[in-house]
Amino acid sequence: MPHESQDFLATSAALEATAAVEHERWAHWQKYLHEQCTVLEDGSLLIPAHLVERWERQIATPYDALSDQEKSSDREQAHEYLAALRQASSDGKA
């Protein structure tokens, strides 16, 4: 079974499934980020300082050192990837 899993993970179906999840994750994040910002006269976005501080801290923090709430958020995203891989595998696209 582990060999079959490795074989599936090397398929274009697995790649496309995770790429689709990644795009959705990125688009959701960008929408959220833009909603937090102030739109300046020239159309650029100004990120509030408290969010920059929080996100810079999170960027510099290894997963193991994140708070339980932050880990939970990352796990929710990981579940999306795993669900996409399970679906692609069961669809027989491998």
PDB file of N, CA and C in Angstrom:
ATOM      1  N   MET A   1       0.808  -1.209   0.000  1.00  0.00           N
ATOM      2  CA  MET A   1       0.000   0.000   0.000  1.00  0.00           C
ATOM      3  C   MET A   1       0.855   1.279   0.000  1.00  0.00           C
ATOM      4  N   PRO A   2       1.916   1.347   0.826  1.00  0.00           N
ATOM      5  CA  PRO A   2       2.735   2.556   0.781  1.00  0.00           C
ATOM      6  C   PRO A   2       3.308   2.816  -0.612  1.00  0.00           C
ATOM      7  N   HIS A   3       3.676   1.766  -1.328  1.00  0.00           N
ATOM      8  CA  HIS A   3       4.206   1.933  -2.680  1.00  0.00           C
ATOM      9  C   HIS A   3       3.146   2.517  -3.597  1.00  0.00           C
ATOM     10  N   GLU A   4       1.896   2.038  -3.475  1.00  0.00           N
ATOM     11  CA  GLU A   4       0.796   2.568  -4.286  1.00  0.00           C
ATOM     12  C   GLU A   4       0.562   4.042  -3.978  1.00  0.00           C
ATOM     13  N   SER A   5       0.649   4.416  -2.712  1.00  0.00           N
ATOM     14  CA  SER A   5       0.477   5.818  -2.333  1.00  0.00           C
ATOM     15  C   SER A   5       1.556   6.676  -2.966  1.00  0.00           C
ATOM     16  N   GLN A   6       2.791   6.189  -2.913  1.00  0.00           N
ATOM     17  CA  GLN A   6       3.896   6.929  -3.526  1.00  0.00           C
ATOM     18  C   GLN A   6       3.695   7.042  -5.031  1.00  0.00           C
ATOM     19  N   ASP A   7       3.233   5.954  -5.652  1.00  0.00           N
ATOM     20  CA  ASP A   7       2.969   5.989  -7.090  1.00  0.00           C
ATOM     21  C   ASP A   7       1.905   7.028  -7.412  1.00  0.00           C
ATOM     22  N   PHE A   8       0.810   7.044  -6.624  1.00  0.00           N
ATOM     23  CA  PHE A   8      -0.251   8.006  -6.877  1.00  0.00           C
ATOM     24  C   PHE A   8       0.245   9.430  -6.699  1.00  0.00           C
ATOM     25  N   LEU A   9       1.050   9.670  -5.665  1.00  0.00           N
ATOM     26  CA  LEU A   9       1.536  11.023  -5.413  1.00  0.00           C
ATOM     27  C   LEU A   9       2.403  11.553  -6.546  1.00  0.00           C
ATOM     28  N   ALA A  10       2.917  10.674  -7.377  1.00  0.00           N
ATOM     29  CA  ALA A  10       3.739  11.082  -8.513  1.00  0.00           C
ATOM     30  C   ALA A  10       2.914  11.333  -9.778  1.00  0.00           C
ATOM     31  N   THR A  11       1.598  11.180  -9.706  1.00  0.00           N
ATOM     32  CA  THR A  11       0.756  11.328 -10.897  1.00  0.00           C
ATOM     33  C   THR A  11       0.353  12.774 -11.140  1.00  0.00           C
ATOM     34  N   SER A  12      -0.064  13.032 -12.370  1.00  0.00           N
ATOM     35  CA  SER A  12      -0.569  14.361 -12.692  1.00  0.00           C
ATOM     36  C   SER A  12      -1.890  14.618 -11.966  1.00  0.00           C
ATOM     37  N   ALA A  13      -2.675  13.578 -11.682  1.00  0.00           N
ATOM     38  CA  ALA A  13      -3.926  13.756 -10.939  1.00  0.00           C
ATOM     39  C   ALA A  13      -3.656  14.306  -9.544  1.00  0.00           C
ATOM     40  N   ALA A  14      -2.646  13.770  -8.868  1.00  0.00           N
ATOM     41  CA  ALA A  14      -2.289  14.265  -7.534  1.00  0.00           C
ATOM     42  C   ALA A  14      -1.780  15.698  -7.616  1.00  0.00           C
ATOM     43  N   LEU A  15      -0.977  15.976  -8.618  1.00  0.00           N
ATOM     44  CA  LEU A  15      -0.459  17.330  -8.797  1.00  0.00           C
ATOM     45  C   LEU A  15      -1.590  18.316  -9.050  1.00  0.00           C
ATOM     46  N   GLU A  16      -2.478  17.985  -9.957  1.00  0.00           N
ATOM     47  CA  GLU A  16      -3.586  18.882 -10.290  1.00  0.00           C
ATOM     48  C   GLU A  16      -4.534  19.073  -9.102  1.00  0.00           C
ATOM     49  N   ALA A  17      -4.790  18.013  -8.347  1.00  0.00           N
ATOM     50  CA  ALA A  17      -5.672  18.119  -7.181  1.00  0.00           C
ATOM     51  C   ALA A  17      -5.089  19.073  -6.141  1.00  0.00           C
ATOM     52  N   THR A  18      -3.807  18.938  -5.856  1.00  0.00           N
ATOM     53  CA  THR A  18      -3.203  19.813  -4.852  1.00  0.00           C
ATOM     54  C   THR A  18      -2.996  21.218  -5.400  1.00  0.00           C
ATOM     55  N   ALA A  19      -2.726  21.360  -6.684  1.00  0.00           N
ATOM     56  CA  ALA A  19      -2.592  22.696  -7.280  1.00  0.00           C
ATOM     57  C   ALA A  19      -3.922  23.452  -7.211  1.00  0.00           C
ATOM     58  N   ALA A  20      -5.028  22.754  -7.443  1.00  0.00           N
ATOM     59  CA  ALA A  20      -6.349  23.390  -7.354  1.00  0.00           C
ATOM     60  C   ALA A  20      -6.626  23.860  -5.932  1.00  0.00           C
ATOM     61  N   VAL A  21      -6.290  23.027  -4.942  1.00  0.00           N
ATOM     62  CA  VAL A  21      -6.480  23.421  -3.541  1.00  0.00           C
ATOM     63  C   VAL A  21      -5.587  24.616  -3.221  1.00  0.00           C
ATOM     64  N   GLU A  22      -4.364  24.585  -3.699  1.00  0.00           N
ATOM     65  CA  GLU A  22      -3.438  25.682  -3.432  1.00  0.00           C
ATOM     66  C   GLU A  22      -3.964  26.993  -4.022  1.00  0.00           C
ATOM     67  N   HIS A  23      -4.501  26.929  -5.222  1.00  0.00           N
ATOM     68  CA  HIS A  23      -5.042  28.153  -5.819  1.00  0.00           C
ATOM     69  C   HIS A  23      -6.219  28.688  -5.002  1.00  0.00           C
ATOM     70  N   GLU A  24      -7.107  27.815  -4.585  1.00  0.00           N
ATOM     71  CA  GLU A  24      -8.238  28.240  -3.765  1.00  0.00           C
ATOM     72  C   GLU A  24      -7.765  28.843  -2.440  1.00  0.00           C
ATOM     73  N   ARG A  25      -6.754  28.219  -1.830  1.00  0.00           N
ATOM     74  CA  ARG A  25      -6.202  28.724  -0.576  1.00  0.00           C
ATOM     75  C   ARG A  25      -5.603  30.105  -0.785  1.00  0.00           C
ATOM     76  N   TRP A  26      -4.833  30.243  -1.852  1.00  0.00           N
ATOM     77  CA  TRP A  26      -4.187  31.521  -2.148  1.00  0.00           C
ATOM     78  C   TRP A  26      -5.227  32.603  -2.434  1.00  0.00           C
ATOM     79  N   ALA A  27      -6.237  32.296  -3.245  1.00  0.00           N
ATOM     80  CA  ALA A  27      -7.265  33.271  -3.588  1.00  0.00           C
ATOM     81  C   ALA A  27      -8.038  33.712  -2.336  1.00  0.00           C
ATOM     82  N   HIS A  28      -8.360  32.752  -1.481  1.00  0.00           N
ATOM     83  CA  HIS A  28      -9.057  33.064  -0.232  1.00  0.00           C
ATOM     84  C   HIS A  28      -8.203  33.983   0.634  1.00  0.00           C
ATOM     85  N   TRP A  29      -6.914  33.659   0.737  1.00  0.00           N
ATOM     86  CA  TRP A  29      -6.003  34.477   1.533  1.00  0.00           C
ATOM     87  C   TRP A  29      -5.892  35.878   0.945  1.00  0.00           C
ATOM     88  N   GLN A  30      -5.748  35.999  -0.363  1.00  0.00           N
ATOM     89  CA  GLN A  30      -5.613  37.313  -0.977  1.00  0.00           C
ATOM     90  C   GLN A  30      -6.865  38.156  -0.765  1.00  0.00           C
ATOM     91  N   LYS A  31      -8.030  37.537  -0.883  1.00  0.00           N
ATOM     92  CA  LYS A  31      -9.283  38.253  -0.646  1.00  0.00           C
ATOM     93  C   LYS A  31      -9.312  38.761   0.790  1.00  0.00           C
ATOM     94  N   TYR A  32      -8.966  37.894   1.740  1.00  0.00           N
ATOM     95  CA  TYR A  32      -8.921  38.289   3.150  1.00  0.00           C
ATOM     96  C   TYR A  32      -7.923  39.425   3.359  1.00  0.00           C
ATOM     97  N   LEU A  33      -6.717  39.268   2.819  1.00  0.00           N
ATOM     98  CA  LEU A  33      -5.675  40.282   2.984  1.00  0.00           C
ATOM     99  C   LEU A  33      -6.137  41.624   2.437  1.00  0.00           C
ATOM    100  N   HIS A  34      -6.688  41.622   1.237  1.00  0.00           N
ATOM    101  CA  HIS A  34      -7.129  42.873   0.631  1.00  0.00           C
ATOM    102  C   HIS A  34      -8.235  43.531   1.452  1.00  0.00           C
ATOM    103  N   GLU A  35      -9.097  42.722   2.039  1.00  0.00           N
ATOM    104  CA  GLU A  35     -10.175  43.270   2.878  1.00  0.00           C
ATOM    105  C   GLU A  35      -9.648  43.914   4.153  1.00  0.00           C
ATOM    106  N   GLN A  36      -8.460  43.521   4.601  1.00  0.00           N
ATOM    107  CA  GLN A  36      -7.872  44.075   5.821  1.00  0.00           C
ATOM    108  C   GLN A  36      -7.133  45.377   5.563  1.00  0.00           C
ATOM    109  N   CYS A  37      -6.837  45.648   4.314  1.00  0.00           N
ATOM    110  CA  CYS A  37      -5.992  46.780   3.948  1.00  0.00           C
ATOM    111  C   CYS A  37      -6.802  48.038   3.644  1.00  0.00           C
ATOM    112  N   THR A  38      -6.091  49.142   3.658  1.00  0.00           N
ATOM    113  CA  THR A  38      -6.637  50.411   3.210  1.00  0.00           C
ATOM    114  C   THR A  38      -6.179  50.607   1.768  1.00  0.00           C
ATOM    115  N   VAL A  39      -7.136  50.899   0.891  1.00  0.00           N
ATOM    116  CA  VAL A  39      -6.793  51.159  -0.509  1.00  0.00           C
ATOM    117  C   VAL A  39      -6.370  52.618  -0.614  1.00  0.00           C
ATOM    118  N   LEU A  40      -5.151  52.816  -1.105  1.00  0.00           N
ATOM    119  CA  LEU A  40      -4.629  54.168  -1.260  1.00  0.00           C
ATOM    120  C   LEU A  40      -5.076  54.761  -2.593  1.00  0.00           C
ATOM    121  N   GLU A  41      -4.876  56.047  -2.739  1.00  0.00           N
ATOM    122  CA  GLU A  41      -5.331  56.777  -3.920  1.00  0.00           C
ATOM    123  C   GLU A  41      -4.818  56.167  -5.226  1.00  0.00           C
ATOM    124  N   ASP A  42      -3.589  55.650  -5.206  1.00  0.00           N
ATOM    125  CA  ASP A  42      -3.016  55.081  -6.431  1.00  0.00           C
ATOM    126  C   ASP A  42      -3.401  53.618  -6.647  1.00  0.00           C
ATOM    127  N   GLY A  43      -4.247  53.078  -5.767  1.00  0.00           N
ATOM    128  CA  GLY A  43      -4.701  51.698  -5.897  1.00  0.00           C
ATOM    129  C   GLY A  43      -3.871  50.697  -5.116  1.00  0.00           C
ATOM    130  N   SER A  44      -2.758  51.136  -4.563  1.00  0.00           N
ATOM    131  CA  SER A  44      -1.959  50.212  -3.751  1.00  0.00           C
ATOM    132  C   SER A  44      -2.658  49.992  -2.413  1.00  0.00           C
ATOM    133  N   LEU A  45      -2.208  48.960  -1.710  1.00  0.00           N
ATOM    134  CA  LEU A  45      -2.834  48.582  -0.450  1.00  0.00           C
ATOM    135  C   LEU A  45      -1.886  48.824   0.712  1.00  0.00           C
ATOM    136  N   LEU A  46      -2.423  49.345   1.795  1.00  0.00           N
ATOM    137  CA  LEU A  46      -1.661  49.584   3.010  1.00  0.00           C
ATOM    138  C   LEU A  46      -2.114  48.572   4.056  1.00  0.00           C
ATOM    139  N   ILE A  47      -1.199  47.712   4.488  1.00  0.00           N
ATOM    140  CA  ILE A  47      -1.501  46.703   5.497  1.00  0.00           C
ATOM    141  C   ILE A  47      -1.353  47.337   6.876  1.00  0.00           C
ATOM    142  N   PRO A  48      -2.353  47.185   7.737  1.00  0.00           N
ATOM    143  CA  PRO A  48      -2.236  47.745   9.094  1.00  0.00           C
ATOM    144  C   PRO A  48      -1.029  47.158   9.833  1.00  0.00           C
ATOM    145  N   ALA A  49      -0.377  48.013  10.612  1.00  0.00           N
ATOM    146  CA  ALA A  49       0.860  47.619  11.308  1.00  0.00           C
ATOM    147  C   ALA A  49       0.655  46.415  12.217  1.00  0.00           C
ATOM    148  N   HIS A  50      -0.478  46.318  12.900  1.00  0.00           N
ATOM    149  CA  HIS A  50      -0.670  45.194  13.826  1.00  0.00           C
ATOM    150  C   HIS A  50      -0.745  43.862  13.068  1.00  0.00           C
ATOM    151  N   LEU A  51      -1.252  43.903  11.848  1.00  0.00           N
ATOM    152  CA  LEU A  51      -1.287  42.663  11.057  1.00  0.00           C
ATOM    153  C   LEU A  51       0.097  42.318  10.523  1.00  0.00           C
ATOM    154  N   VAL A  52       0.842  43.325  10.105  1.00  0.00           N
ATOM    155  CA  VAL A  52       2.216  43.075   9.654  1.00  0.00           C
ATOM    156  C   VAL A  52       3.016  42.448  10.787  1.00  0.00           C
ATOM    157  N   GLU A  53       2.877  42.996  11.980  1.00  0.00           N
ATOM    158  CA  GLU A  53       3.599  42.464  13.148  1.00  0.00           C
ATOM    159  C   GLU A  53       3.205  41.004  13.410  1.00  0.00           C
ATOM    160  N   ARG A  54       1.904  40.716  13.393  1.00  0.00           N
ATOM    161  CA  ARG A  54       1.435  39.346  13.643  1.00  0.00           C
ATOM    162  C   ARG A  54       1.931  38.388  12.572  1.00  0.00           C
ATOM    163  N   TRP A  55       1.802  38.779  11.314  1.00  0.00           N
ATOM    164  CA  TRP A  55       2.189  37.880  10.225  1.00  0.00           C
ATOM    165  C   TRP A  55       3.699  37.700  10.151  1.00  0.00           C
ATOM    166  N   GLU A  56       4.456  38.745  10.456  1.00  0.00           N
ATOM    167  CA  GLU A  56       5.919  38.603  10.499  1.00  0.00           C
ATOM    168  C   GLU A  56       6.320  37.616  11.594  1.00  0.00           C
ATOM    169  N   ARG A  57       5.635  37.678  12.737  1.00  0.00           N
ATOM    170  CA  ARG A  57       5.922  36.725  13.822  1.00  0.00           C
ATOM    171  C   ARG A  57       5.601  35.313  13.373  1.00  0.00           C
ATOM    172  N   GLN A  58       4.447  35.133  12.727  1.00  0.00           N
ATOM    173  CA  GLN A  58       4.060  33.802  12.267  1.00  0.00           C
ATOM    174  C   GLN A  58       5.021  33.276  11.199  1.00  0.00           C
ATOM    175  N   ILE A  59       5.460  34.149  10.316  1.00  0.00           N
ATOM    176  CA  ILE A  59       6.420  33.748   9.275  1.00  0.00           C
ATOM    177  C   ILE A  59       7.702  33.219   9.908  1.00  0.00           C
ATOM    178  N   ALA A  60       8.137  33.867  10.971  1.00  0.00           N
ATOM    179  CA  ALA A  60       9.402  33.506  11.623  1.00  0.00           C
ATOM    180  C   ALA A  60       9.272  32.347  12.605  1.00  0.00           C
ATOM    181  N   THR A  61       8.058  31.854  12.815  1.00  0.00           N
ATOM    182  CA  THR A  61       7.826  30.810  13.811  1.00  0.00           C
ATOM    183  C   THR A  61       7.686  29.448  13.151  1.00  0.00           C
ATOM    184  N   PRO A  62       8.503  28.470  13.558  1.00  0.00           N
ATOM    185  CA  PRO A  62       8.327  27.112  13.030  1.00  0.00           C
ATOM    186  C   PRO A  62       6.960  26.555  13.448  1.00  0.00           C
ATOM    187  N   TYR A  63       6.421  25.665  12.665  1.00  0.00           N
ATOM    188  CA  TYR A  63       5.103  25.085  12.954  1.00  0.00           C
ATOM    189  C   TYR A  63       5.013  24.574  14.389  1.00  0.00           C
ATOM    190  N   ASP A  64       6.033  23.841  14.829  1.00  0.00           N
ATOM    191  CA  ASP A  64       6.010  23.251  16.176  1.00  0.00           C
ATOM    192  C   ASP A  64       5.875  24.291  17.284  1.00  0.00           C
ATOM    193  N   ALA A  65       6.278  25.523  17.014  1.00  0.00           N
ATOM    194  CA  ALA A  65       6.241  26.567  18.036  1.00  0.00           C
ATOM    195  C   ALA A  65       5.004  27.464  17.929  1.00  0.00           C
ATOM    196  N   LEU A  66       4.132  27.201  16.976  1.00  0.00           N
ATOM    197  CA  LEU A  66       2.909  27.992  16.847  1.00  0.00           C
ATOM    198  C   LEU A  66       1.961  27.703  18.004  1.00  0.00           C
ATOM    199  N   SER A  67       1.031  28.607  18.232  1.00  0.00           N
ATOM    200  CA  SER A  67       0.000  28.375  19.245  1.00  0.00           C
ATOM    201  C   SER A  67      -0.920  27.254  18.758  1.00  0.00           C
ATOM    202  N   ASP A  68      -1.676  26.682  19.672  1.00  0.00           N
ATOM    203  CA  ASP A  68      -2.623  25.630  19.284  1.00  0.00           C
ATOM    204  C   ASP A  68      -3.632  26.151  18.266  1.00  0.00           C
ATOM    205  N   GLN A  69      -4.070  27.380  18.425  1.00  0.00           N
ATOM    206  CA  GLN A  69      -5.030  27.971  17.486  1.00  0.00           C
ATOM    207  C   GLN A  69      -4.412  28.117  16.091  1.00  0.00           C
ATOM    208  N   GLU A  70      -3.155  28.555  16.029  1.00  0.00           N
ATOM    209  CA  GLU A  70      -2.481  28.704  14.737  1.00  0.00           C
ATOM    210  C   GLU A  70      -2.255  27.342  14.087  1.00  0.00           C
ATOM    211  N   LYS A  71      -1.880  26.346  14.886  1.00  0.00           N
ATOM    212  CA  LYS A  71      -1.713  24.993  14.349  1.00  0.00           C
ATOM    213  C   LYS A  71      -3.042  24.469  13.825  1.00  0.00           C
ATOM    214  N   SER A  72      -4.116  24.732  14.543  1.00  0.00           N
ATOM    215  CA  SER A  72      -5.437  24.284  14.122  1.00  0.00           C
ATOM    216  C   SER A  72      -5.805  24.870  12.764  1.00  0.00           C
ATOM    217  N   SER A  73      -5.490  26.127  12.561  1.00  0.00           N
ATOM    218  CA  SER A  73      -5.749  26.778  11.274  1.00  0.00           C
ATOM    219  C   SER A  73      -4.958  26.098  10.152  1.00  0.00           C
ATOM    220  N   ASP A  74      -3.695  25.791  10.410  1.00  0.00           N
ATOM    221  CA  ASP A  74      -2.875  25.099   9.410  1.00  0.00           C
ATOM    222  C   ASP A  74      -3.405  23.691   9.139  1.00  0.00           C
ATOM    223  N   ARG A  75      -3.865  23.022  10.191  1.00  0.00           N
ATOM    224  CA  ARG A  75      -4.425  21.678  10.001  1.00  0.00           C
ATOM    225  C   ARG A  75      -5.675  21.713   9.137  1.00  0.00           C
ATOM    226  N   GLU A  76      -6.510  22.740   9.323  1.00  0.00           N
ATOM    227  CA  GLU A  76      -7.703  22.880   8.482  1.00  0.00           C
ATOM    228  C   GLU A  76      -7.307  22.957   7.010  1.00  0.00           C
ATOM    229  N   GLN A  77      -6.256  23.703   6.723  1.00  0.00           N
ATOM    230  CA  GLN A  77      -5.785  23.809   5.340  1.00  0.00           C
ATOM    231  C   GLN A  77      -5.226  22.473   4.851  1.00  0.00           C
ATOM    232  N   ALA A  78      -4.488  21.783   5.719  1.00  0.00           N
ATOM    233  CA  ALA A  78      -3.920  20.486   5.345  1.00  0.00           C
ATOM    234  C   ALA A  78      -5.026  19.487   5.023  1.00  0.00           C
ATOM    235  N   HIS A  79      -6.134  19.546   5.759  1.00  0.00           N
ATOM    236  CA  HIS A  79      -7.264  18.657   5.479  1.00  0.00           C
ATOM    237  C   HIS A  79      -7.794  18.861   4.063  1.00  0.00           C
ATOM    238  N   GLU A  80      -7.761  20.092   3.581  1.00  0.00           N
ATOM    239  CA  GLU A  80      -8.222  20.372   2.218  1.00  0.00           C
ATOM    240  C   GLU A  80      -7.338  19.658   1.189  1.00  0.00           C
ATOM    241  N   TYR A  81      -6.040  19.674   1.420  1.00  0.00           N
ATOM    242  CA  TYR A  81      -5.120  18.983   0.518  1.00  0.00           C
ATOM    243  C   TYR A  81      -5.353  17.469   0.556  1.00  0.00           C
ATOM    244  N   LEU A  82      -5.486  16.942   1.766  1.00  0.00           N
ATOM    245  CA  LEU A  82      -5.691  15.499   1.901  1.00  0.00           C
ATOM    246  C   LEU A  82      -7.012  15.065   1.267  1.00  0.00           C
ATOM    247  N   ALA A  83      -8.058  15.858   1.453  1.00  0.00           N
ATOM    248  CA  ALA A  83      -9.350  15.527   0.844  1.00  0.00           C
ATOM    249  C   ALA A  83      -9.255  15.543  -0.674  1.00  0.00           C
ATOM    250  N   ALA A  84      -8.538  16.503  -1.217  1.00  0.00           N
ATOM    251  CA  ALA A  84      -8.373  16.575  -2.674  1.00  0.00           C
ATOM    252  C   ALA A  84      -7.602  15.365  -3.197  1.00  0.00           C
ATOM    253  N   LEU A  85      -6.587  14.946  -2.475  1.00  0.00           N
ATOM    254  CA  LEU A  85      -5.821  13.762  -2.882  1.00  0.00           C
ATOM    255  C   LEU A  85      -6.668  12.498  -2.793  1.00  0.00           C
ATOM    256  N   ARG A  86      -7.454  12.371  -1.718  1.00  0.00           N
ATOM    257  CA  ARG A  86      -8.336  11.201  -1.601  1.00  0.00           C
ATOM    258  C   ARG A  86      -9.337  11.168  -2.750  1.00  0.00           C
ATOM    259  N   GLN A  87      -9.912  12.325  -3.064  1.00  0.00           N
ATOM    260  CA  GLN A  87     -10.900  12.387  -4.143  1.00  0.00           C
ATOM    261  C   GLN A  87     -10.262  12.040  -5.489  1.00  0.00           C
ATOM    262  N   ALA A  88      -9.122  12.615  -5.765  1.00  0.00           N
ATOM    263  CA  ALA A  88      -8.443  12.339  -7.031  1.00  0.00           C
ATOM    264  C   ALA A  88      -8.060  10.868  -7.137  1.00  0.00           C
ATOM    265  N   SER A  89      -7.634  10.293  -6.011  1.00  0.00           N
ATOM    266  CA  SER A  89      -7.268   8.882  -6.004  1.00  0.00           C
ATOM    267  C   SER A  89      -8.474   7.996  -6.243  1.00  0.00           C
ATOM    268  N   SER A  90      -9.598   8.323  -5.620  1.00  0.00           N
ATOM    269  CA  SER A  90     -10.798   7.496  -5.769  1.00  0.00           C
ATOM    270  C   SER A  90     -11.455   7.690  -7.128  1.00  0.00           C
ATOM    271  N   ASP A  91     -11.183   8.819  -7.781  1.00  0.00           N
ATOM    272  CA  ASP A  91     -11.745   9.052  -9.109  1.00  0.00           C
ATOM    273  C   ASP A  91     -11.049   8.205 -10.165  1.00  0.00           C
ATOM    274  N   GLY A  92      -9.944   7.576  -9.776  1.00  0.00           N
ATOM    275  CA  GLY A  92      -9.230   6.704 -10.702  1.00  0.00           C
ATOM    276  C   GLY A  92      -8.491   7.459 -11.789  1.00  0.00           C
ATOM    277  N   LYS A  93      -8.114   8.690 -11.499  1.00  0.00           N
ATOM    278  CA  LYS A  93      -7.406   9.509 -12.493  1.00  0.00           C
ATOM    279  C   LYS A  93      -5.910   9.217 -12.527  1.00  0.00           C
ATOM    280  N   ALA A  94      -5.454   8.369 -11.663  1.00  0.00           N
ATOM    281  CA  ALA A  94      -4.016   8.149 -11.546  1.00  0.00           C
ATOM    282  C   ALA A  94      -3.444   7.471 -12.760  1.00  0.00           C
TER     283      ALA A  94
END
